[in-house]
């Protein structure tokens, strides 16, 4: 499928190129092996990339495997209209692994592109494990501010940001990616993330910016639009205190009729699967959300809680090292245009059904949505609320109260599931791992 995206960007204040502490970088400045950013500019400098194709070639290969623009402490970066920089913008602070201690700012209308980057490790020639570049990767104890730029087709996530001072901001950013592991954005610390567009082959957005329960990791995400066309989830539900507001999914397809990933809202888990999420997901809310896709490949909700030990050994029984809670999650004013499209179970794992659907069995409402916990004491799901939530025009209240069966599989270590204030019956008859958790 070919598509064209048109964005109405806010007007940004272009830097005065003649002002003090201004470092203007042109495409010609990289030619013949030159590198205008080999050493750190003075603090407070604004680096301006002018229009044209910037191709860094002389970068420190003892530090970096890919073309790199170093992100220095207290240096601002501005990408002008029609500037395309074929490099990763990577932390280059004095702390361990480039950790930065100062503030950072990235803005403009230009593009950071990973189109020419191979996923292969230049030493081993292998693609796995994937140690390739992200579009922007900055970890800092300071305040972060990123706006306006477009991040294009990187082989290993597009935006990873960590801020430590106040509430950092990420606004009016676009991500267009077509590769496996080409996730959209994951921020850490406290952030305000808004006005985003993500067309990603993999997971688009993590409603997860940390696990601290004191509010320092509670971020707000608003006006987020996702387009997933191969195998990714729209939103990873994890961490503590995240809020998703006024957002939508316009396209949600996968390459297969069933797999663990995908879904619009997911905290996925399966014994033996390394892509399982085994972090907590607590005190998270989603308000005013619309999924517009008339033919989504998979179900919208997949909320599962599982111990880490089962990721590495699906036959494991014993004392779990940590508890995993998926709890206090609220969905309000959510409209999913259609149920999952497949109407036959084409795999042998049961197709999300309880009892398991047989291979070739009917799926009258597509793949059922799942709420499932693996153990009452160490890996549970509780206090999940649906308020004015509809799938294909049917109230989730009717689905959970038995009036519209077949849309939801709510089983295992699950309690306190509500729809419009009514508590749903939960079938605890499914197998739940007994993990001898009393010793924890």
Protein backbone atom coordinates (compact mmCIF):
# COMPACT_ATOMS: atom_id res chain seq x y z
CA UNK A 1 0.00 0.00 0.00
CA UNK A 2 1.30 3.44 -0.90
CA UNK A 3 0.25 6.49 1.05
CA UNK A 4 1.07 10.15 1.36
CA UNK A 5 1.02 11.96 4.68
CA UNK A 6 0.47 15.72 4.85
CA UNK A 7 1.14 17.49 8.15
CA UNK A 8 0.24 20.99 9.26
CA UNK A 9 3.19 21.97 11.42
CA UNK A 10 3.12 24.85 13.89
CA UNK A 11 5.24 27.84 13.03
CA UNK A 12 8.55 27.66 14.85
CA UNK A 13 10.89 30.55 15.40
CA UNK A 14 13.83 30.09 13.03
CA UNK A 15 17.17 30.78 14.70
CA UNK A 16 19.03 33.97 13.80
CA UNK A 17 22.05 32.53 12.04
CA UNK A 18 24.11 35.62 12.85
CA UNK A 19 23.37 35.55 16.55
CA UNK A 20 26.10 34.68 19.08
CA UNK A 21 26.60 31.02 19.94
CA UNK A 22 25.23 29.86 16.63
CA UNK A 23 26.94 26.98 14.79
CA UNK A 24 25.64 26.69 11.21
CA UNK A 25 26.23 23.28 9.60
CA UNK A 26 25.77 22.89 5.84
CA UNK A 27 25.81 19.65 3.79
CA UNK A 28 29.23 20.66 2.42
CA UNK A 29 30.67 20.73 5.93
CA UNK A 30 30.61 16.91 6.03
CA UNK A 31 32.40 16.35 2.74
CA UNK A 32 35.91 14.94 2.43
CA UNK A 33 35.64 13.31 5.84
CA UNK A 34 35.07 16.52 7.74
CA UNK A 35 33.05 16.55 10.96
CA UNK A 36 31.95 19.94 12.28
CA UNK A 37 30.66 18.32 15.50
CA UNK A 38 33.65 16.17 16.37
CA UNK A 39 34.22 18.28 19.45
CA UNK A 40 31.55 19.68 21.72
CA UNK A 41 30.42 23.27 21.00
CA UNK A 42 30.32 25.71 23.87
CA UNK A 43 27.40 25.30 26.24
CA UNK A 44 24.38 27.28 25.09
CA UNK A 45 25.24 26.87 21.41
CA UNK A 46 22.48 26.23 18.87
CA UNK A 47 23.53 23.90 16.05
CA UNK A 48 21.54 24.65 12.87
CA UNK A 49 21.43 22.12 10.05
CA UNK A 50 20.66 23.96 6.82
CA UNK A 51 18.62 22.58 3.91
CA UNK A 52 20.07 19.68 1.94
CA UNK A 53 21.39 16.17 2.52
CA UNK A 54 23.80 15.85 5.44
CA UNK A 55 25.85 12.63 5.37
CA UNK A 56 28.24 12.29 8.31
CA UNK A 57 31.04 9.84 7.46
CA UNK A 58 33.88 10.78 9.79
CA UNK A 59 32.48 9.68 13.14
CA UNK A 60 34.34 8.01 16.00
CA UNK A 61 34.08 4.31 15.11
CA UNK A 62 35.57 3.34 18.48
CA UNK A 63 32.36 4.70 20.03
CA UNK A 64 29.73 4.47 17.31
CA UNK A 65 28.86 1.83 14.73
CA UNK A 66 26.60 4.08 12.69
CA UNK A 67 26.68 7.64 11.33
CA UNK A 68 26.21 9.75 14.44
CA UNK A 69 25.50 13.33 15.37
CA UNK A 70 26.58 13.65 19.00
CA UNK A 71 24.06 15.26 21.37
CA UNK A 72 26.14 17.27 23.81
CA UNK A 73 25.15 18.69 27.19
CA UNK A 74 23.39 22.08 27.05
CA UNK A 75 23.58 22.28 23.24
CA UNK A 76 20.45 22.90 21.14
CA UNK A 77 19.82 21.33 17.73
CA UNK A 78 17.65 22.85 14.99
CA UNK A 79 16.83 21.05 11.72
CA UNK A 80 15.84 23.56 9.03
CA UNK A 81 13.22 23.04 6.35
CA UNK A 82 14.37 20.46 3.80
CA UNK A 83 17.32 19.38 5.93
CA UNK A 84 17.79 15.59 5.86
CA UNK A 85 20.44 14.25 8.22
CA UNK A 86 21.37 10.61 7.62
CA UNK A 87 22.48 9.88 11.17
CA UNK A 88 21.34 9.08 14.67
CA UNK A 89 21.23 11.90 17.22
CA UNK A 90 22.88 10.14 20.14
CA UNK A 91 23.72 11.19 23.69
CA UNK A 92 27.35 12.22 24.05
CA UNK A 93 27.54 13.42 27.64
CA UNK A 94 30.37 12.83 30.09
CA UNK A 95 28.43 10.31 32.15
CA UNK A 96 28.50 6.51 31.71
CA UNK A 97 27.51 5.46 28.18
CA UNK A 98 27.11 9.10 27.18
CA UNK A 99 24.70 10.04 29.98
CA UNK A 100 23.99 13.76 29.92
CA UNK A 101 23.55 16.02 32.93
CA UNK A 102 22.38 19.21 31.24
CA UNK A 103 19.21 20.24 29.42
CA UNK A 104 18.66 19.32 25.78
CA UNK A 105 16.53 20.76 23.00
CA UNK A 106 15.80 19.44 19.50
CA UNK A 107 13.50 21.35 17.14
CA UNK A 108 12.82 22.20 13.53
CA UNK A 109 11.09 20.98 10.39
CA UNK A 110 13.80 18.67 9.06
CA UNK A 111 14.35 14.93 9.02
CA UNK A 112 16.63 12.48 10.79
CA UNK A 113 16.82 9.48 8.47
CA UNK A 114 17.97 5.89 9.01
CA UNK A 115 17.12 4.81 5.47
CA UNK A 116 20.70 3.95 4.56
CA UNK A 117 21.54 2.18 7.83
CA UNK A 118 21.97 -1.56 7.88
CA UNK A 119 20.87 -3.51 10.92
CA UNK A 120 23.99 -5.68 10.62
CA UNK A 121 26.74 -5.37 13.20
CA UNK A 122 29.78 -4.29 11.18
CA UNK A 123 32.05 -6.55 13.28
CA UNK A 124 29.97 -9.75 13.35
CA UNK A 125 27.92 -9.29 10.20
CA UNK A 126 24.83 -10.42 12.12
CA UNK A 127 21.50 -8.71 12.65
CA UNK A 128 20.77 -10.31 16.01
CA UNK A 129 20.99 -9.16 18.68
CA UNK A 130 19.85 -5.86 17.25
CA UNK A 131 22.35 -3.22 18.40
CA UNK A 132 21.67 -0.82 15.57
CA UNK A 133 20.83 2.87 15.80
CA UNK A 134 17.76 4.72 17.01
CA UNK A 135 16.67 8.03 15.51
CA UNK A 136 17.09 10.03 18.71
CA UNK A 137 18.45 8.45 21.85
CA UNK A 138 19.15 10.78 24.74
CA UNK A 139 19.35 10.02 28.46
CA UNK A 140 19.73 13.08 30.66
CA UNK A 141 19.25 14.29 34.22
CA UNK A 142 18.18 17.64 32.77
CA UNK A 143 15.06 18.93 31.07
CA UNK A 144 14.21 17.77 27.54
CA UNK A 145 12.33 19.59 24.81
CA UNK A 146 11.80 17.99 21.40
CA UNK A 147 9.48 19.40 18.73
CA UNK A 148 8.63 19.40 15.06
CA UNK A 149 11.12 16.96 13.57
CA UNK A 150 10.38 13.86 11.47
CA UNK A 151 12.16 10.59 12.23
CA UNK A 152 12.39 8.24 9.27
CA UNK A 153 12.93 4.46 9.05
CA UNK A 154 15.50 3.57 11.71
CA UNK A 155 16.32 -0.09 12.35
CA UNK A 156 16.03 -0.10 16.16
CA UNK A 157 13.36 2.17 17.65
CA UNK A 158 12.94 5.76 16.56
CA UNK A 159 12.78 7.89 19.71
CA UNK A 160 14.11 7.01 23.18
CA UNK A 161 14.26 9.95 25.58
CA UNK A 162 14.92 10.32 29.27
CA UNK A 163 14.48 13.57 31.19
CA UNK A 164 15.08 14.18 34.84
CA UNK A 165 14.15 17.78 35.64
CA UNK A 166 10.54 18.93 35.75
CA UNK A 167 8.17 17.88 32.98
CA UNK A 168 9.93 17.43 29.65
CA UNK A 169 8.01 17.91 26.39
CA UNK A 170 7.75 16.03 23.09
CA UNK A 171 5.40 17.68 20.61
CA UNK A 172 4.51 17.72 16.91
CA UNK A 173 6.84 14.85 16.03
CA UNK A 174 6.27 12.40 13.19
CA UNK A 175 7.70 8.87 12.92
CA UNK A 176 7.57 6.93 9.66
CA UNK A 177 9.15 3.48 9.88
CA UNK A 178 8.90 0.20 7.98
CA UNK A 179 11.26 -2.18 9.79
CA UNK A 180 10.98 -4.83 12.49
CA UNK A 181 12.06 -3.32 15.84
CA UNK A 182 11.21 0.07 14.37
CA UNK A 183 9.16 1.05 17.42
CA UNK A 184 7.91 4.61 17.73
CA UNK A 185 8.55 6.38 21.05
CA UNK A 186 9.49 5.41 24.58
CA UNK A 187 10.10 8.20 27.10
CA UNK A 188 11.39 7.88 30.66
CA UNK A 189 10.81 10.31 33.50
CA UNK A 190 7.91 12.77 33.51
CA UNK A 191 6.84 13.95 30.06
CA UNK A 192 4.07 15.75 28.26
CA UNK A 193 3.80 14.06 24.86
CA UNK A 194 1.30 15.48 22.38
CA UNK A 195 0.43 15.97 18.71
CA UNK A 196 2.21 12.87 17.41
CA UNK A 197 1.85 10.73 14.27
CA UNK A 198 3.29 7.20 14.13
CA UNK A 199 3.32 4.94 11.15
CA UNK A 200 5.38 2.04 12.44
CA UNK A 201 5.93 -1.56 11.46
CA UNK A 202 6.39 -2.34 15.16
CA UNK A 203 4.95 -0.98 18.44
CA UNK A 204 4.06 2.70 18.22
CA UNK A 205 3.88 4.17 21.72
CA UNK A 206 4.67 3.08 25.25
CA UNK A 207 2.27 4.48 27.86
CA UNK A 208 5.16 3.76 30.17
CA UNK A 209 7.77 6.22 31.36
CA UNK A 210 8.91 4.42 34.49
CA UNK A 211 7.71 2.52 37.52
CA UNK A 212 8.13 4.98 40.38
CA UNK A 213 4.87 5.55 42.22
CA UNK A 214 5.69 9.06 43.52
CA UNK A 215 4.48 10.78 40.33
CA UNK A 216 7.95 11.40 38.88
CA UNK A 217 7.28 8.93 36.08
CA UNK A 218 3.60 9.75 35.44
CA UNK A 219 3.46 11.09 31.89
CA UNK A 220 0.55 12.41 29.82
CA UNK A 221 0.09 11.46 26.16
CA UNK A 222 -2.48 13.32 24.10
CA UNK A 223 -3.51 13.66 20.46
CA UNK A 224 -1.54 10.60 19.40
CA UNK A 225 -2.38 9.05 16.01
CA UNK A 226 -1.11 5.57 15.10
CA UNK A 227 -0.93 3.54 11.90
CA UNK A 228 0.31 -0.05 12.34
CA UNK A 229 0.59 -2.08 9.17
CA UNK A 230 2.66 -5.20 9.93
CA UNK A 231 3.01 -6.52 13.47
CA UNK A 232 3.05 -3.74 16.04
CA UNK A 233 0.83 -2.68 18.91
CA UNK A 234 -0.54 0.83 18.97
CA UNK A 235 -0.07 1.37 22.72
CA UNK A 236 1.92 -0.63 25.28
CA UNK A 237 0.07 -0.43 28.60
CA UNK A 238 2.72 -0.49 31.35
CA UNK A 239 4.41 1.50 34.10
CA UNK A 240 2.70 3.72 36.64
CA UNK A 241 0.34 6.65 36.26
CA UNK A 242 0.33 7.14 32.50
CA UNK A 243 -2.60 8.95 30.84
CA UNK A 244 -3.62 8.66 27.19
CA UNK A 245 -6.06 11.37 26.08
CA UNK A 246 -7.91 12.33 22.89
CA UNK A 247 -6.10 9.91 20.61
CA UNK A 248 -6.86 7.53 17.77
CA UNK A 249 -5.72 4.55 15.73
CA UNK A 250 -6.51 4.95 12.06
CA UNK A 251 -5.11 1.65 10.75
CA UNK A 252 -4.28 -1.55 12.62
CA UNK A 253 -3.18 -4.60 10.63
CA UNK A 254 -0.78 -7.49 11.11
CA UNK A 255 1.06 -9.90 8.84
CA UNK A 256 -0.50 -12.94 10.54
CA UNK A 257 -3.97 -13.93 11.66
CA UNK A 258 -2.61 -14.58 15.17
CA UNK A 259 0.55 -13.78 17.08
CA UNK A 260 1.42 -12.45 20.53
CA UNK A 261 2.09 -8.88 19.42
CA UNK A 262 -0.15 -6.36 17.78
CA UNK A 263 -3.39 -5.22 19.48
CA UNK A 264 -4.35 -1.61 20.11
CA UNK A 265 -3.90 -1.82 23.89
CA UNK A 266 -1.56 -4.53 25.11
CA UNK A 267 0.32 -5.90 28.08
CA UNK A 268 1.14 -9.14 26.32
CA UNK A 269 2.48 -12.30 27.93
CA UNK A 270 3.00 -15.91 26.92
CA UNK A 271 5.23 -18.60 28.48
CA UNK A 272 8.40 -19.01 26.44
CA UNK A 273 7.98 -15.80 24.45
CA UNK A 274 10.75 -13.24 24.85
CA UNK A 275 8.53 -10.37 23.73
CA UNK A 276 6.31 -10.77 26.82
CA UNK A 277 5.91 -7.80 29.17
CA UNK A 278 6.60 -8.67 32.80
CA UNK A 279 6.68 -5.16 34.29
CA UNK A 280 3.81 -3.75 36.34
CA UNK A 281 1.02 -1.77 34.72
CA UNK A 282 -0.85 0.24 37.36
CA UNK A 283 -2.95 3.39 37.72
CA UNK A 284 -3.23 3.99 33.97
CA UNK A 285 -6.13 5.72 32.21
CA UNK A 286 -7.30 6.04 28.61
CA UNK A 287 -9.92 8.67 27.80
CA UNK A 288 -11.58 9.71 24.55
CA UNK A 289 -10.09 7.23 22.12
CA UNK A 290 -11.26 6.13 18.66
CA UNK A 291 -10.06 3.28 16.48
CA UNK A 292 -11.23 3.90 12.93
CA UNK A 293 -10.01 0.79 11.10
CA UNK A 294 -13.01 -1.14 9.67
CA UNK A 295 -10.95 -4.34 9.25
CA UNK A 296 -8.47 -4.68 12.14
CA UNK A 297 -6.48 -7.90 12.10
CA UNK A 298 -6.56 -8.64 15.83
CA UNK A 299 -8.51 -7.89 18.99
CA UNK A 300 -8.25 -4.45 20.62
CA UNK A 301 -7.48 -5.42 24.26
CA UNK A 302 -4.84 -7.91 25.44
CA UNK A 303 -4.13 -7.43 29.15
CA UNK A 304 -2.12 -10.28 30.68
CA UNK A 305 0.04 -10.64 33.77
CA UNK A 306 2.82 -13.24 33.96
CA UNK A 307 6.00 -13.87 35.96
CA UNK A 308 9.40 -13.35 34.36
CA UNK A 309 10.47 -16.94 35.05
CA UNK A 310 7.87 -18.23 32.59
CA UNK A 311 9.37 -16.14 29.81
CA UNK A 312 12.58 -18.15 29.98
CA UNK A 313 11.09 -21.54 30.86
CA UNK A 314 7.45 -22.20 29.94
CA UNK A 315 7.42 -25.29 32.19
CA UNK A 316 8.75 -23.43 35.23
CA UNK A 317 7.19 -23.96 38.67
CA UNK A 318 8.69 -22.51 41.82
CA UNK A 319 9.04 -19.36 43.84
CA UNK A 320 8.71 -16.25 41.70
CA UNK A 321 11.29 -13.54 42.37
CA UNK A 322 8.88 -10.68 41.82
CA UNK A 323 5.18 -9.92 41.63
CA UNK A 324 3.60 -8.57 38.45
CA UNK A 325 0.41 -6.55 38.77
CA UNK A 326 -1.83 -5.28 35.99
CA UNK A 327 -4.23 -3.18 38.03
CA UNK A 328 -6.22 0.03 38.33
CA UNK A 329 -6.59 0.58 34.60
CA UNK A 330 -9.51 2.62 33.33
CA UNK A 331 -10.85 3.01 29.79
CA UNK A 332 -13.39 5.82 29.32
CA UNK A 333 -15.18 6.90 26.12
CA UNK A 334 -13.45 4.41 23.84
CA UNK A 335 -14.89 3.53 20.43
CA UNK A 336 -13.41 0.60 18.49
CA UNK A 337 -14.95 0.61 15.01
CA UNK A 338 -14.81 -3.13 14.40
CA UNK A 339 -14.00 -6.46 16.01
CA UNK A 340 -11.05 -8.50 14.74
CA UNK A 341 -11.55 -9.52 11.12
CA UNK A 342 -10.68 -13.30 11.09
CA UNK A 343 -13.75 -15.52 11.44
CA UNK A 344 -11.89 -18.85 11.53
CA UNK A 345 -9.21 -20.02 13.97
CA UNK A 346 -6.16 -20.72 11.79
CA UNK A 347 -3.66 -21.72 14.51
CA UNK A 348 -3.47 -24.50 17.10
CA UNK A 349 -3.09 -22.32 20.21
CA UNK A 350 -6.79 -21.68 20.74
CA UNK A 351 -7.04 -18.22 19.13
CA UNK A 352 -7.58 -16.37 22.45
CA UNK A 353 -10.72 -18.44 23.16
CA UNK A 354 -11.76 -20.03 26.44
CA UNK A 355 -12.33 -22.91 26.15
CA UNK A 356 -9.75 -23.01 23.36
CA UNK A 357 -11.12 -22.84 19.85
CA UNK A 358 -10.22 -25.73 17.60
CA UNK A 359 -8.16 -25.29 14.47
CA UNK A 360 -10.67 -24.26 11.83
CA UNK A 361 -13.25 -23.35 14.47
CA UNK A 362 -15.55 -20.39 14.10
CA UNK A 363 -14.77 -16.96 15.54
CA UNK A 364 -18.16 -15.24 15.31
CA UNK A 365 -16.78 -11.91 16.55
CA UNK A 366 -13.17 -12.33 15.49
CA UNK A 367 -10.35 -12.93 17.94
CA UNK A 368 -11.70 -12.43 21.48
CA UNK A 369 -10.24 -9.73 23.70
CA UNK A 370 -8.25 -11.10 26.65
CA UNK A 371 -7.89 -10.25 30.33
CA UNK A 372 -5.84 -12.98 31.99
CA UNK A 373 -3.62 -13.46 35.04
CA UNK A 374 -1.29 -16.42 35.57
CA UNK A 375 -1.22 -16.59 39.38
CA UNK A 376 -3.42 -15.27 42.19
CA UNK A 377 -0.49 -14.27 44.40
CA UNK A 378 2.25 -13.15 42.02
CA UNK A 379 0.83 -12.38 38.56
CA UNK A 380 -2.68 -11.02 38.69
CA UNK A 381 -5.04 -8.60 36.98
CA UNK A 382 -7.51 -6.56 39.01
CA UNK A 383 -9.60 -3.42 39.04
CA UNK A 384 -10.08 -2.93 35.31
CA UNK A 385 -12.82 -0.45 34.38
CA UNK A 386 -14.62 0.13 31.11
CA UNK A 387 -16.87 3.19 30.99
CA UNK A 388 -18.78 3.90 27.78
CA UNK A 389 -16.61 1.54 25.73
CA UNK A 390 -17.91 0.00 22.49
CA UNK A 391 -16.55 -2.49 19.98
CA UNK A 392 -18.33 -2.64 16.62
CA UNK A 393 -21.17 -0.67 18.17
CA UNK A 394 -21.69 -3.19 20.99
CA UNK A 395 -21.28 -2.04 24.60
CA UNK A 396 -18.49 -3.73 26.50
CA UNK A 397 -21.00 -3.84 29.35
CA UNK A 398 -23.10 -6.28 27.31
CA UNK A 399 -20.01 -8.30 26.44
CA UNK A 400 -18.87 -8.67 30.06
CA UNK A 401 -22.36 -9.24 31.51
CA UNK A 402 -23.11 -12.14 29.16
CA UNK A 403 -25.57 -10.40 26.86
CA UNK A 404 -23.07 -10.40 23.96
CA UNK A 405 -20.80 -13.44 24.45
CA UNK A 406 -17.74 -14.21 22.36
CA UNK A 407 -16.05 -10.83 22.45
CA UNK A 408 -14.06 -11.26 25.70
CA UNK A 409 -12.06 -14.00 27.42
CA UNK A 410 -11.74 -12.97 31.08
CA UNK A 411 -10.18 -15.88 32.97
CA UNK A 412 -7.48 -16.91 35.41
CA UNK A 413 -6.17 -14.72 38.22
CA UNK A 414 -8.50 -11.80 37.48
CA UNK A 415 -10.80 -9.88 39.82
CA UNK A 416 -12.80 -6.67 39.98
CA UNK A 417 -13.57 -6.08 36.32
CA UNK A 418 -16.24 -3.42 35.83
CA UNK A 419 -18.23 -2.05 32.91
CA UNK A 420 -20.27 1.11 33.47
CA UNK A 421 -20.20 0.47 37.20
CA UNK A 422 -21.34 -3.17 37.04
CA UNK A 423 -19.01 -5.94 38.14
CA UNK A 424 -18.46 -8.71 35.61
CA UNK A 425 -18.37 -12.43 36.36
CA UNK A 426 -14.88 -13.88 35.96
CA UNK A 427 -14.37 -17.53 35.07
CA UNK A 428 -11.53 -18.83 37.23
CA UNK A 429 -11.79 -22.32 35.74
CA UNK A 430 -8.89 -21.86 33.31
CA UNK A 431 -5.53 -23.24 34.34
CA UNK A 432 -3.63 -20.85 36.57
CA UNK A 433 -0.03 -21.57 37.45
CA UNK A 434 0.49 -22.44 41.11
CA UNK A 435 3.85 -20.84 41.69
CA UNK A 436 4.35 -21.56 45.40
CA UNK A 437 4.36 -17.81 45.92
CA UNK A 438 3.69 -17.93 49.63
CA UNK A 439 7.43 -17.78 50.18
CA UNK A 440 7.71 -14.33 48.60
